[in-house]
PDB file of all heavy atoms in Angstrom:
ATOM      1  N   LEU A   1     116.768  97.716  93.208  1.00  0.00           N
ATOM      2  CA  LEU A   1     116.772  98.739  94.256  1.00  0.00           C
ATOM      3  C   LEU A   1     118.122  99.439  94.371  1.00  0.00           C
ATOM      4  O   LEU A   1     118.360 100.173  95.335  1.00  0.00           O
ATOM      5  CB  LEU A   1     116.405  98.107  95.610  1.00  0.00           C
ATOM      6  CG  LEU A   1     115.032  97.437  95.697  1.00  0.00           C
ATOM      7  CD1 LEU A   1     114.829  96.809  97.068  1.00  0.00           C
ATOM      8  CD2 LEU A   1     113.921  98.441  95.404  1.00  0.00           C
ATOM      9  N   PHE A   2     118.992  99.237  93.402  1.00  0.00           N
ATOM     10  CA  PHE A   2     120.360  99.754  93.486  1.00  0.00           C
ATOM     11  C   PHE A   2     120.377 101.267  93.707  1.00  0.00           C
ATOM     12  O   PHE A   2     121.130 101.780  94.533  1.00  0.00           O
ATOM     13  CB  PHE A   2     121.120  99.386  92.209  1.00  0.00           C
ATOM     14  CG  PHE A   2     122.562  99.773  92.208  1.00  0.00           C
ATOM     15  CD1 PHE A   2     123.452  99.230  93.127  1.00  0.00           C
ATOM     16  CD2 PHE A   2     123.048 100.678  91.275  1.00  0.00           C
ATOM     17  CE1 PHE A   2     124.795  99.572  93.121  1.00  0.00           C
ATOM     18  CE2 PHE A   2     124.395 101.031  91.252  1.00  0.00           C
ATOM     19  CZ  PHE A   2     125.258 100.479  92.186  1.00  0.00           C
ATOM     20  N   PHE A   3     119.548 102.007  92.955  1.00  0.00           N
ATOM     21  CA  PHE A   3     119.495 103.462  93.086  1.00  0.00           C
ATOM     22  C   PHE A   3     118.279 103.932  93.890  1.00  0.00           C
ATOM     23  O   PHE A   3     118.049 105.140  93.988  1.00  0.00           O
ATOM     24  CB  PHE A   3     119.445 104.120  91.694  1.00  0.00           C
ATOM     25  CG  PHE A   3     120.737 104.052  90.930  1.00  0.00           C
ATOM     26  CD1 PHE A   3     120.901 103.126  89.907  1.00  0.00           C
ATOM     27  CD2 PHE A   3     121.784 104.905  91.226  1.00  0.00           C
ATOM     28  CE1 PHE A   3     122.091 103.075  89.180  1.00  0.00           C
ATOM     29  CE2 PHE A   3     122.973 104.849  90.504  1.00  0.00           C
ATOM     30  CZ  PHE A   3     123.129 103.932  89.489  1.00  0.00           C
ATOM     31  N   TYR A   4     117.519 103.018  94.448  1.00  0.00           N
ATOM     32  CA  TYR A   4     116.231 103.387  95.043  1.00  0.00           C
ATOM     33  C   TYR A   4     116.406 104.234  96.294  1.00  0.00           C
ATOM     34  O   TYR A   4     117.196 103.923  97.179  1.00  0.00           O
ATOM     35  CB  TYR A   4     115.420 102.135  95.387  1.00  0.00           C
ATOM     36  CG  TYR A   4     114.065 102.438  95.993  1.00  0.00           C
ATOM     37  CD1 TYR A   4     113.066 103.041  95.237  1.00  0.00           C
ATOM     38  CD2 TYR A   4     113.798 102.149  97.333  1.00  0.00           C
ATOM     39  CE1 TYR A   4     111.836 103.321  95.782  1.00  0.00           C
ATOM     40  CE2 TYR A   4     112.566 102.427  97.889  1.00  0.00           C
ATOM     41  CZ  TYR A   4     111.584 103.023  97.113  1.00  0.00           C
ATOM     42  OH  TYR A   4     110.360 103.305  97.655  1.00  0.00           O
ATOM     43  N   GLU A   5     115.638 105.323  96.349  1.00  0.00           N
ATOM     44  CA  GLU A   5     115.525 106.151  97.545  1.00  0.00           C
ATOM     45  C   GLU A   5     114.045 106.350  97.822  1.00  0.00           C
ATOM     46  O   GLU A   5     113.328 106.925  97.001  1.00  0.00           O
ATOM     47  CB  GLU A   5     116.224 107.494  97.349  1.00  0.00           C
ATOM     48  CG  GLU A   5     117.734 107.382  97.203  1.00  0.00           C
ATOM     49  CD  GLU A   5     118.402 108.737  97.046  1.00  0.00           C
ATOM     50  OE1 GLU A   5     117.992 109.488  96.144  1.00  0.00           O
ATOM     51  OE2 GLU A   5     119.324 109.026  97.824  1.00  0.00           O
ATOM     52  N   GLY A   6     113.606 105.889  98.953  1.00  0.00           N
ATOM     53  CA  GLY A   6     112.196 105.980  99.290  1.00  0.00           C
ATOM     54  C   GLY A   6     111.871 105.033 100.423  1.00  0.00           C
ATOM     55  O   GLY A   6     112.728 104.653 101.223  1.00  0.00           O
ATOM     56  N   THR A   7     110.611 104.607 100.485  1.00  0.00           N
ATOM     57  CA  THR A   7     110.125 103.784 101.586  1.00  0.00           C
ATOM     58  C   THR A   7     110.119 102.305 101.217  1.00  0.00           C
ATOM     59  O   THR A   7     109.691 101.928 100.126  1.00  0.00           O
ATOM     60  CB  THR A   7     108.703 104.216 101.990  1.00  0.00           C
ATOM     61  OG1 THR A   7     108.786 105.469 102.683  1.00  0.00           O
ATOM     62  CG2 THR A   7     108.034 103.199 102.895  1.00  0.00           C
ATOM     63  N   VAL A   8     110.610 101.503 102.135  1.00  0.00           N
ATOM     64  CA  VAL A   8     110.456 100.054 102.085  1.00  0.00           C
ATOM     65  C   VAL A   8     109.919  99.606 103.446  1.00  0.00           C
ATOM     66  O   VAL A   8     110.411 100.028 104.489  1.00  0.00           O
ATOM     67  CB  VAL A   8     111.800  99.351 101.777  1.00  0.00           C
ATOM     68  CG1 VAL A   8     111.658  97.838 101.940  1.00  0.00           C
ATOM     69  CG2 VAL A   8     112.270  99.681 100.363  1.00  0.00           C
ATOM     70  N   TRP A   9     108.898  98.762 103.419  1.00  0.00           N
ATOM     71  CA  TRP A   9     108.326  98.179 104.636  1.00  0.00           C
ATOM     72  C   TRP A   9     108.916  96.785 104.857  1.00  0.00           C
ATOM     73  O   TRP A   9     108.961  95.973 103.935  1.00  0.00           O
ATOM     74  CB  TRP A   9     106.814  98.046 104.514  1.00  0.00           C
ATOM     75  CG  TRP A   9     106.055  99.334 104.369  1.00  0.00           C
ATOM     76  CD1 TRP A   9     105.905 100.073 103.236  1.00  0.00           C
ATOM     77  CD2 TRP A   9     105.333 100.011 105.399  1.00  0.00           C
ATOM     78  NE1 TRP A   9     105.130 101.166 103.481  1.00  0.00           N
ATOM     79  CE2 TRP A   9     104.750 101.156 104.806  1.00  0.00           C
ATOM     80  CE3 TRP A   9     105.091  99.757 106.749  1.00  0.00           C
ATOM     81  CZ2 TRP A   9     103.964 102.056 105.528  1.00  0.00           C
ATOM     82  CZ3 TRP A   9     104.302 100.646 107.470  1.00  0.00           C
ATOM     83  CH2 TRP A   9     103.753 101.785 106.866  1.00  0.00           C
ATOM     84  N   TYR A  10     109.330  96.509 106.087  1.00  0.00           N
ATOM     85  CA  TYR A  10     109.859  95.204 106.472  1.00  0.00           C
ATOM     86  C   TYR A  10     108.904  94.544 107.461  1.00  0.00           C
ATOM     87  O   TYR A  10     108.329  95.221 108.320  1.00  0.00           O
ATOM     88  CB  TYR A  10     111.207  95.348 107.179  1.00  0.00           C
ATOM     89  CG  TYR A  10     112.380  95.763 106.343  1.00  0.00           C
ATOM     90  CD1 TYR A  10     112.538  97.084 105.931  1.00  0.00           C
ATOM     91  CD2 TYR A  10     113.376  94.846 106.007  1.00  0.00           C
ATOM     92  CE1 TYR A  10     113.647  97.474 105.191  1.00  0.00           C
ATOM     93  CE2 TYR A  10     114.493  95.231 105.276  1.00  0.00           C
ATOM     94  CZ  TYR A  10     114.615  96.548 104.875  1.00  0.00           C
ATOM     95  OH  TYR A  10     115.720  96.935 104.162  1.00  0.00           O
ATOM     96  N   LYS A  11     108.801  93.213 107.360  1.00  0.00           N
ATOM     97  CA  LYS A  11     107.946  92.486 108.301  1.00  0.00           C
ATOM     98  C   LYS A  11     108.611  91.190 108.739  1.00  0.00           C
ATOM     99  O   LYS A  11     109.164  90.448 107.930  1.00  0.00           O
ATOM    100  CB  LYS A  11     106.589  92.183 107.675  1.00  0.00           C
ATOM    101  CG  LYS A  11     105.623  91.436 108.601  1.00  0.00           C
ATOM    102  CD  LYS A  11     105.408  90.019 108.117  1.00  0.00           C
ATOM    103  CE  LYS A  11     104.413  89.261 108.980  1.00  0.00           C
ATOM    104  NZ  LYS A  11     104.245  87.862 108.519  1.00  0.00           N
ATOM    105  N   LYS A  12     108.577  90.949 110.061  1.00  0.00           N
ATOM    106  CA  LYS A  12     109.140  89.722 110.635  1.00  0.00           C
ATOM    107  C   LYS A  12     108.153  89.164 111.649  1.00  0.00           C
ATOM    108  O   LYS A  12     107.668  89.888 112.515  1.00  0.00           O
ATOM    109  CB  LYS A  12     110.470  90.035 111.321  1.00  0.00           C
ATOM    110  CG  LYS A  12     111.161  88.842 111.969  1.00  0.00           C
ATOM    111  CD  LYS A  12     111.992  88.088 110.959  1.00  0.00           C
ATOM    112  CE  LYS A  12     112.960  87.124 111.619  1.00  0.00           C
ATOM    113  NZ  LYS A  12     113.784  86.405 110.616  1.00  0.00           N
ATOM    114  N   SER A  13     107.876  87.865 111.562  1.00  0.00           N
ATOM    115  CA  SER A  13     107.025  87.185 112.549  1.00  0.00           C
ATOM    116  C   SER A  13     107.904  86.398 113.513  1.00  0.00           C
ATOM    117  O   SER A  13     108.945  85.867 113.130  1.00  0.00           O
ATOM    118  CB  SER A  13     106.053  86.233 111.844  1.00  0.00           C
ATOM    119  OG  SER A  13     105.176  86.951 111.003  1.00  0.00           O
ATOM    120  N   PHE A  14     107.469  86.314 114.786  1.00  0.00           N
ATOM    121  CA  PHE A  14     108.269  85.611 115.782  1.00  0.00           C
ATOM    122  C   PHE A  14     107.403  85.278 116.999  1.00  0.00           C
ATOM    123  O   PHE A  14     106.341  85.875 117.225  1.00  0.00           O
ATOM    124  CB  PHE A  14     109.465  86.465 116.221  1.00  0.00           C
ATOM    125  CG  PHE A  14     109.088  87.757 116.913  1.00  0.00           C
ATOM    126  CD1 PHE A  14     109.009  87.828 118.303  1.00  0.00           C
ATOM    127  CD2 PHE A  14     108.792  88.898 116.178  1.00  0.00           C
ATOM    128  CE1 PHE A  14     108.660  89.005 118.940  1.00  0.00           C
ATOM    129  CE2 PHE A  14     108.434  90.073 116.804  1.00  0.00           C
ATOM    130  CZ  PHE A  14     108.370  90.135 118.183  1.00  0.00           C
ATOM    131  N   ASP A  15     107.886  84.318 117.753  1.00  0.00           N
ATOM    132  CA  ASP A  15     107.298  83.984 119.052  1.00  0.00           C
ATOM    133  C   ASP A  15     108.250  84.436 120.142  1.00  0.00           C
ATOM    134  O   ASP A  15     109.468  84.538 119.916  1.00  0.00           O
ATOM    135  CB  ASP A  15     107.063  82.469 119.177  1.00  0.00           C
ATOM    136  CG  ASP A  15     106.116  81.945 118.120  1.00  0.00           C
ATOM    137  OD1 ASP A  15     105.234  82.716 117.670  1.00  0.00           O
ATOM    138  OD2 ASP A  15     106.267  80.768 117.727  1.00  0.00           O
ATOM    139  N   TYR A  16     107.716  84.716 121.324  1.00  0.00           N
ATOM    140  CA  TYR A  16     108.593  85.125 122.410  1.00  0.00           C
ATOM    141  C   TYR A  16     107.952  84.820 123.764  1.00  0.00           C
ATOM    142  O   TYR A  16     106.818  85.193 124.018  1.00  0.00           O
ATOM    143  CB  TYR A  16     108.904  86.622 122.348  1.00  0.00           C
ATOM    144  CG  TYR A  16     110.034  87.007 123.274  1.00  0.00           C
ATOM    145  CD1 TYR A  16     111.350  86.901 122.865  1.00  0.00           C
ATOM    146  CD2 TYR A  16     109.780  87.432 124.571  1.00  0.00           C
ATOM    147  CE1 TYR A  16     112.400  87.212 123.707  1.00  0.00           C
ATOM    148  CE2 TYR A  16     110.814  87.754 125.435  1.00  0.00           C
ATOM    149  CZ  TYR A  16     112.134  87.640 125.001  1.00  0.00           C
ATOM    150  OH  TYR A  16     113.165  87.936 125.846  1.00  0.00           O
ATOM    151  N   SER A  17     108.728  84.187 124.626  1.00  0.00           N
ATOM    152  CA  SER A  17     108.295  83.923 126.003  1.00  0.00           C
ATOM    153  C   SER A  17     109.349  84.478 126.950  1.00  0.00           C
ATOM    154  O   SER A  17     110.533  84.149 126.830  1.00  0.00           O
ATOM    155  CB  SER A  17     108.127  82.423 126.245  1.00  0.00           C
ATOM    156  OG  SER A  17     107.101  81.898 125.428  1.00  0.00           O
ATOM    157  N   LYS A  18     108.934  85.313 127.881  1.00  0.00           N
ATOM    158  CA  LYS A  18     109.861  85.864 128.863  1.00  0.00           C
ATOM    159  C   LYS A  18     110.395  84.753 129.765  1.00  0.00           C
ATOM    160  O   LYS A  18     109.688  83.781 130.058  1.00  0.00           O
ATOM    161  CB  LYS A  18     109.169  86.913 129.727  1.00  0.00           C
ATOM    162  CG  LYS A  18     108.680  88.139 129.004  1.00  0.00           C
ATOM    163  CD  LYS A  18     108.034  89.096 129.999  1.00  0.00           C
ATOM    164  CE  LYS A  18     107.418  90.298 129.334  1.00  0.00           C
ATOM    165  NZ  LYS A  18     106.773  91.210 130.310  1.00  0.00           N
ATOM    166  N   THR A  19     111.614  84.937 130.218  1.00  0.00           N
ATOM    167  CA  THR A  19     112.187  83.966 131.159  1.00  0.00           C
ATOM    168  C   THR A  19     111.611  84.145 132.552  1.00  0.00           C
ATOM    169  O   THR A  19     111.653  83.217 133.376  1.00  0.00           O
ATOM    170  CB  THR A  19     113.713  84.113 131.220  1.00  0.00           C
ATOM    171  OG1 THR A  19     114.040  85.441 131.620  1.00  0.00           O
ATOM    172  CG2 THR A  19     114.334  83.824 129.854  1.00  0.00           C
ATOM    173  N   GLN A  20     111.078  85.346 132.824  1.00  0.00           N
ATOM    174  CA  GLN A  20     110.417  85.623 134.098  1.00  0.00           C
ATOM    175  C   GLN A  20     109.268  86.575 133.829  1.00  0.00           C
ATOM    176  O   GLN A  20     109.417  87.531 133.057  1.00  0.00           O
ATOM    177  CB  GLN A  20     111.411  86.236 135.094  1.00  0.00           C
ATOM    178  CG  GLN A  20     110.891  86.335 136.516  1.00  0.00           C
ATOM    179  CD  GLN A  20     112.006  86.703 137.492  1.00  0.00           C
ATOM    180  OE1 GLN A  20     113.084  86.106 137.464  1.00  0.00           O
ATOM    181  NE2 GLN A  20     111.734  87.671 138.346  1.00  0.00           N
ATOM    182  N   ALA A  21     108.132  86.338 134.456  1.00  0.00           N
ATOM    183  CA  ALA A  21     106.903  87.026 134.078  1.00  0.00           C
ATOM    184  C   ALA A  21     106.992  88.539 134.184  1.00  0.00           C
ATOM    185  O   ALA A  21     106.429  89.264 133.356  1.00  0.00           O
ATOM    186  CB  ALA A  21     105.738  86.509 134.928  1.00  0.00           C
ATOM    187  N   ASP A  22     107.696  89.060 135.205  1.00  0.00           N
ATOM    188  CA  ASP A  22     107.731  90.509 135.396  1.00  0.00           C
ATOM    189  C   ASP A  22     108.935  91.168 134.725  1.00  0.00           C
ATOM    190  O   ASP A  22     109.192  92.353 134.922  1.00  0.00           O
ATOM    191  CB  ASP A  22     107.693  90.866 136.883  1.00  0.00           C
ATOM    192  CG  ASP A  22     108.919  90.358 137.642  1.00  0.00           C
ATOM    193  OD1 ASP A  22     109.670  89.545 137.075  1.00  0.00           O
ATOM    194  OD2 ASP A  22     109.113  90.785 138.800  1.00  0.00           O
ATOM    195  N   ASN A  23     109.685  90.416 133.927  1.00  0.00           N
ATOM    196  CA  ASN A  23     110.807  91.005 133.200  1.00  0.00           C
ATOM    197  C   ASN A  23     110.316  91.994 132.142  1.00  0.00           C
ATOM    198  O   ASN A  23     109.150  91.966 131.738  1.00  0.00           O
ATOM    199  CB  ASN A  23     111.647  89.919 132.533  1.00  0.00           C
ATOM    200  CG  ASN A  23     112.658  89.324 133.482  1.00  0.00           C
ATOM    201  OD1 ASN A  23     112.747  89.704 134.656  1.00  0.00           O
ATOM    202  ND2 ASN A  23     113.428  88.359 132.996  1.00  0.00           N
ATOM    203  N   ARG A  24     111.217  92.834 131.718  1.00  0.00           N
ATOM    204  CA  ARG A  24     110.922  93.809 130.674  1.00  0.00           C
ATOM    205  C   ARG A  24     111.642  93.411 129.380  1.00  0.00           C
ATOM    206  O   ARG A  24     112.681  92.740 129.416  1.00  0.00           O
ATOM    207  CB  ARG A  24     111.350  95.205 131.116  1.00  0.00           C
ATOM    208  CG  ARG A  24     110.632  95.659 132.369  1.00  0.00           C
ATOM    209  CD  ARG A  24     111.294  96.856 133.011  1.00  0.00           C
ATOM    210  NE  ARG A  24     111.187  98.052 132.199  1.00  0.00           N
ATOM    211  CZ  ARG A  24     111.742  99.225 132.514  1.00  0.00           C
ATOM    212  NH1 ARG A  24     112.469  99.333 133.615  1.00  0.00           N
ATOM    213  NH2 ARG A  24     111.587 100.281 131.725  1.00  0.00           N
ATOM    214  N   VAL A  25     111.089  93.837 128.243  1.00  0.00           N
ATOM    215  CA  VAL A  25     111.667  93.501 126.943  1.00  0.00           C
ATOM    216  C   VAL A  25     111.722  94.769 126.093  1.00  0.00           C
ATOM    217  O   VAL A  25     110.761  95.551 126.067  1.00  0.00           O
ATOM    218  CB  VAL A  25     110.856  92.412 126.220  1.00  0.00           C
ATOM    219  CG1 VAL A  25     111.521  92.044 124.893  1.00  0.00           C
ATOM    220  CG2 VAL A  25     110.710  91.171 127.094  1.00  0.00           C
ATOM    221  N   PHE A  26     112.844  94.931 125.403  1.00  0.00           N
ATOM    222  CA  PHE A  26     113.056  96.082 124.527  1.00  0.00           C
ATOM    223  C   PHE A  26     113.400  95.601 123.119  1.00  0.00           C
ATOM    224  O   PHE A  26     114.188  94.669 122.946  1.00  0.00           O
ATOM    225  CB  PHE A  26     114.198  96.951 125.053  1.00  0.00           C
ATOM    226  CG  PHE A  26     113.933  97.573 126.389  1.00  0.00           C
ATOM    227  CD1 PHE A  26     114.138  96.853 127.564  1.00  0.00           C
ATOM    228  CD2 PHE A  26     113.459  98.876 126.489  1.00  0.00           C
ATOM    229  CE1 PHE A  26     113.891  97.425 128.800  1.00  0.00           C
ATOM    230  CE2 PHE A  26     113.200  99.449 127.722  1.00  0.00           C
ATOM    231  CZ  PHE A  26     113.422  98.722 128.882  1.00  0.00           C
ATOM    232  N   LEU A  27     112.798  96.250 122.133  1.00  0.00           N
ATOM    233  CA  LEU A  27     113.177  96.033 120.743  1.00  0.00           C
ATOM    234  C   LEU A  27     114.312  96.994 120.431  1.00  0.00           C
ATOM    235  O   LEU A  27     114.145  98.224 120.491  1.00  0.00           O
ATOM    236  CB  LEU A  27     111.995  96.291 119.814  1.00  0.00           C
ATOM    237  CG  LEU A  27     112.268  96.164 118.304  1.00  0.00           C
ATOM    238  CD1 LEU A  27     112.687  94.750 117.939  1.00  0.00           C
ATOM    239  CD2 LEU A  27     111.056  96.603 117.494  1.00  0.00           C
ATOM    240  N   TYR A  28     115.482  96.431 120.105  1.00  0.00           N
ATOM    241  CA  TYR A  28     116.698  97.216 119.879  1.00  0.00           C
ATOM    242  C   TYR A  28     117.093  97.096 118.419  1.00  0.00           C
ATOM    243  O   TYR A  28     117.214  95.984 117.884  1.00  0.00           O
ATOM    244  CB  TYR A  28     117.821  96.699 120.782  1.00  0.00           C
ATOM    245  CG  TYR A  28     119.147  97.409 120.651  1.00  0.00           C
ATOM    246  CD1 TYR A  28     119.473  98.487 121.478  1.00  0.00           C
ATOM    247  CD2 TYR A  28     120.091  97.012 119.707  1.00  0.00           C
ATOM    248  CE1 TYR A  28     120.688  99.143 121.364  1.00  0.00           C
ATOM    249  CE2 TYR A  28     121.309  97.662 119.584  1.00  0.00           C
ATOM    250  CZ  TYR A  28     121.607  98.727 120.424  1.00  0.00           C
ATOM    251  OH  TYR A  28     122.809  99.364 120.317  1.00  0.00           O
ATOM    252  N   ILE A  29     117.299  98.245 117.780  1.00  0.00           N
ATOM    253  CA  ILE A  29     117.676  98.294 116.368  1.00  0.00           C
ATOM    254  C   ILE A  29     119.006  99.032 116.270  1.00  0.00           C
ATOM    255  O   ILE A  29     119.103 100.214 116.631  1.00  0.00           O
ATOM    256  CB  ILE A  29     116.588  98.993 115.536  1.00  0.00           C
ATOM    257  CG1 ILE A  29     115.262  98.233 115.666  1.00  0.00           C
ATOM    258  CG2 ILE A  29     117.011  99.100 114.069  1.00  0.00           C
ATOM    259  CD1 ILE A  29     114.062  98.961 115.096  1.00  0.00           C
ATOM    260  N   GLY A  30     120.042  98.348 115.779  1.00  0.00           N
ATOM    261  CA  GLY A  30     121.375  98.937 115.739  1.00  0.00           C
ATOM    262  C   GLY A  30     121.469 100.146 114.841  1.00  0.00           C
ATOM    263  O   GLY A  30     122.188 101.100 115.151  1.00  0.00           O
ATOM    264  N   ALA A  31     120.744 100.154 113.737  1.00  0.00           N
ATOM    265  CA  ALA A  31     120.632 101.313 112.844  1.00  0.00           C
ATOM    266  C   ALA A  31     119.708 100.958 111.697  1.00  0.00           C
ATOM    267  O   ALA A  31     119.645  99.798 111.258  1.00  0.00           O
ATOM    268  CB  ALA A  31     121.990 101.766 112.297  1.00  0.00           C
ATOM    269  N   ALA A  32     119.000 101.959 111.214  1.00  0.00           N
ATOM    270  CA  ALA A  32     118.187 101.848 110.001  1.00  0.00           C
ATOM    271  C   ALA A  32     118.243 103.206 109.321  1.00  0.00           C
ATOM    272  O   ALA A  32     118.073 104.244 109.972  1.00  0.00           O
ATOM    273  CB  ALA A  32     116.754 101.452 110.324  1.00  0.00           C
ATOM    274  N   ASN A  33     118.470 103.221 108.033  1.00  0.00           N
ATOM    275  CA  ASN A  33     118.688 104.477 107.320  1.00  0.00           C
ATOM    276  C   ASN A  33     117.485 104.806 106.421  1.00  0.00           C
ATOM    277  O   ASN A  33     117.177 104.057 105.500  1.00  0.00           O
ATOM    278  CB  ASN A  33     119.935 104.357 106.440  1.00  0.00           C
ATOM    279  CG  ASN A  33     120.336 105.689 105.837  1.00  0.00           C
ATOM    280  OD1 ASN A  33     120.218 106.722 106.466  1.00  0.00           O
ATOM    281  ND2 ASN A  33     120.785 105.665 104.587  1.00  0.00           N
ATOM    282  N   TYR A  34     116.768 105.942 106.727  1.00  0.00           N
ATOM    283  CA  TYR A  34     117.197 107.040 107.550  1.00  0.00           C
ATOM    284  C   TYR A  34     116.097 107.368 108.582  1.00  0.00           C
ATOM    285  O   TYR A  34     116.372 107.595 109.749  1.00  0.00           O
ATOM    286  CB  TYR A  34     117.497 108.243 106.639  1.00  0.00           C
ATOM    287  CG  TYR A  34     117.641 109.580 107.310  1.00  0.00           C
ATOM    288  CD1 TYR A  34     118.807 109.907 108.017  1.00  0.00           C
ATOM    289  CD2 TYR A  34     116.625 110.524 107.269  1.00  0.00           C
ATOM    290  CE1 TYR A  34     118.941 111.128 108.640  1.00  0.00           C
ATOM    291  CE2 TYR A  34     116.766 111.741 107.887  1.00  0.00           C
ATOM    292  CZ  TYR A  34     117.914 112.045 108.575  1.00  0.00           C
ATOM    293  OH  TYR A  34     118.047 113.257 109.184  1.00  0.00           O
ATOM    294  N   GLU A  35     114.854 107.424 108.095  1.00  0.00           N
ATOM    295  CA  GLU A  35     113.704 107.707 108.970  1.00  0.00           C
ATOM    296  C   GLU A  35     112.915 106.427 109.152  1.00  0.00           C
ATOM    297  O   GLU A  35     112.517 105.797 108.174  1.00  0.00           O
ATOM    298  CB  GLU A  35     112.836 108.808 108.370  1.00  0.00           C
ATOM    299  CG  GLU A  35     111.728 109.294 109.285  1.00  0.00           C
ATOM    300  CD  GLU A  35     111.057 110.556 108.774  1.00  0.00           C
ATOM    301  OE1 GLU A  35     111.788 111.472 108.316  1.00  0.00           O
ATOM    302  OE2 GLU A  35     109.814 110.635 108.826  1.00  0.00           O
ATOM    303  N   THR A  36     112.704 106.051 110.403  1.00  0.00           N
ATOM    304  CA  THR A  36     112.181 104.719 110.693  1.00  0.00           C
ATOM    305  C   THR A  36     110.952 104.813 111.583  1.00  0.00           C
ATOM    306  O   THR A  36     110.985 105.458 112.635  1.00  0.00           O
ATOM    307  CB  THR A  36     113.258 103.870 111.402  1.00  0.00           C
ATOM    308  OG1 THR A  36     114.458 103.911 110.638  1.00  0.00           O
ATOM    309  CG2 THR A  36     112.805 102.435 111.539  1.00  0.00           C
ATOM    310  N   ASP A  37     109.872 104.160 111.164  1.00  0.00           N
ATOM    311  CA  ASP A  37     108.661 104.020 111.981  1.00  0.00           C
ATOM    312  C   ASP A  37     108.507 102.549 112.324  1.00  0.00           C
ATOM    313  O   ASP A  37     108.606 101.681 111.447  1.00  0.00           O
ATOM    314  CB  ASP A  37     107.434 104.516 111.213  1.00  0.00           C
ATOM    315  CG  ASP A  37     107.487 106.002 110.929  1.00  0.00           C
ATOM    316  OD1 ASP A  37     107.021 106.782 111.767  1.00  0.00           O
ATOM    317  OD2 ASP A  37     108.009 106.387 109.857  1.00  0.00           O
ATOM    318  N   VAL A  38     108.239 102.272 113.605  1.00  0.00           N
ATOM    319  CA  VAL A  38     108.270 100.895 114.095  1.00  0.00           C
ATOM    320  C   VAL A  38     106.924 100.537 114.706  1.00  0.00           C
ATOM    321  O   VAL A  38     106.375 101.300 115.525  1.00  0.00           O
ATOM    322  CB  VAL A  38     109.399 100.710 115.128  1.00  0.00           C
ATOM    323  CG1 VAL A  38     109.490  99.255 115.545  1.00  0.00           C
ATOM    324  CG2 VAL A  38     110.735 101.188 114.561  1.00  0.00           C
ATOM    325  N   TYR A  39     106.422  99.354 114.335  1.00  0.00           N
ATOM    326  CA  TYR A  39     105.115  98.874 114.805  1.00  0.00           C
ATOM    327  C   TYR A  39     105.260  97.431 115.281  1.00  0.00           C
ATOM    328  O   TYR A  39     105.986  96.632 114.682  1.00  0.00           O
ATOM    329  CB  TYR A  39     104.083  98.911 113.675  1.00  0.00           C
ATOM    330  CG  TYR A  39     103.955 100.247 112.977  1.00  0.00           C
ATOM    331  CD1 TYR A  39     104.839 100.601 111.955  1.00  0.00           C
ATOM    332  CD2 TYR A  39     102.961 101.141 113.334  1.00  0.00           C
ATOM    333  CE1 TYR A  39     104.735 101.819 111.310  1.00  0.00           C
ATOM    334  CE2 TYR A  39     102.842 102.374 112.689  1.00  0.00           C
ATOM    335  CZ  TYR A  39     103.739 102.703 111.677  1.00  0.00           C
ATOM    336  OH  TYR A  39     103.619 103.915 111.032  1.00  0.00           O
ATOM    337  N   LEU A  40     104.569  97.107 116.350  1.00  0.00           N
ATOM    338  CA  LEU A  40     104.542  95.735 116.848  1.00  0.00           C
ATOM    339  C   LEU A  40     103.100  95.299 117.033  1.00  0.00           C
ATOM    340  O   LEU A  40     102.329  95.962 117.744  1.00  0.00           O
ATOM    341  CB  LEU A  40     105.303  95.618 118.174  1.00  0.00           C
ATOM    342  CG  LEU A  40     105.319  94.221 118.805  1.00  0.00           C
ATOM    343  CD1 LEU A  40     106.037  93.215 117.896  1.00  0.00           C
ATOM    344  CD2 LEU A  40     105.969  94.252 120.178  1.00  0.00           C
ATOM    345  N   ASN A  41     102.754  94.209 116.362  1.00  0.00           N
ATOM    346  CA  ASN A  41     101.385  93.668 116.432  1.00  0.00           C
ATOM    347  C   ASN A  41     100.341  94.742 116.132  1.00  0.00           C
ATOM    348  O   ASN A  41      99.285  94.822 116.770  1.00  0.00           O
ATOM    349  CB  ASN A  41     101.131  93.042 117.810  1.00  0.00           C
ATOM    350  CG  ASN A  41     102.039  91.853 118.057  1.00  0.00           C
ATOM    351  OD1 ASN A  41     102.452  91.168 117.125  1.00  0.00           O
ATOM    352  ND2 ASN A  41     102.368  91.603 119.310  1.00  0.00           N
ATOM    353  N   GLY A  42     100.667  95.589 115.154  1.00  0.00           N
ATOM    354  CA  GLY A  42      99.725  96.611 114.700  1.00  0.00           C
ATOM    355  C   GLY A  42      99.741  97.895 115.488  1.00  0.00           C
ATOM    356  O   GLY A  42      99.013  98.838 115.134  1.00  0.00           O
ATOM    357  N   GLN A  43     100.553  97.998 116.540  1.00  0.00           N
ATOM    358  CA  GLN A  43     100.605  99.186 117.380  1.00  0.00           C
ATOM    359  C   GLN A  43     101.896  99.958 117.124  1.00  0.00           C
ATOM    360  O   GLN A  43     102.972  99.377 117.037  1.00  0.00           O
ATOM    361  CB  GLN A  43     100.529  98.802 118.859  1.00  0.00           C
ATOM    362  CG  GLN A  43      99.250  98.083 119.249  1.00  0.00           C
ATOM    363  CD  GLN A  43      98.013  98.929 119.029  1.00  0.00           C
ATOM    364  OE1 GLN A  43      97.957 100.086 119.471  1.00  0.00           O
ATOM    365  NE2 GLN A  43      97.021  98.369 118.344  1.00  0.00           N
ATOM    366  N   LYS A  44     101.782 101.284 117.004  1.00  0.00           N
ATOM    367  CA  LYS A  44     102.960 102.122 116.779  1.00  0.00           C
ATOM    368  C   LYS A  44     103.813 102.186 118.039  1.00  0.00           C
ATOM    369  O   LYS A  44     103.333 102.505 119.122  1.00  0.00           O
ATOM    370  CB  LYS A  44     102.516 103.544 116.388  1.00  0.00           C
ATOM    371  CG  LYS A  44     103.657 104.539 116.119  1.00  0.00           C
ATOM    372  CD  LYS A  44     104.340 104.255 114.808  1.00  0.00           C
ATOM    373  CE  LYS A  44     105.380 105.304 114.417  1.00  0.00           C
ATOM    374  NZ  LYS A  44     104.780 106.494 113.794  1.00  0.00           N
ATOM    375  N   LEU A  45     105.099 101.844 117.889  1.00  0.00           N
ATOM    376  CA  LEU A  45     106.043 101.975 118.998  1.00  0.00           C
ATOM    377  C   LEU A  45     106.710 103.331 118.991  1.00  0.00           C
ATOM    378  O   LEU A  45     106.969 103.906 120.051  1.00  0.00           O
ATOM    379  CB  LEU A  45     107.115 100.877 118.910  1.00  0.00           C
ATOM    380  CG  LEU A  45     106.638  99.432 119.015  1.00  0.00           C
ATOM    381  CD1 LEU A  45     107.820  98.482 118.867  1.00  0.00           C
ATOM    382  CD2 LEU A  45     105.914  99.189 120.339  1.00  0.00           C
TER     383      LEU A  45
END
């Protein structure tokens, strides 16, 4: 992939339990180059 320019799909599995039921959660991405589409559990974010 040294010279590769194009699309790569990434996938990560995880569990998550809120510390409080009514808390809110945000998926934060520090940077991804260049155009990024994000999906969680099959739904487009």
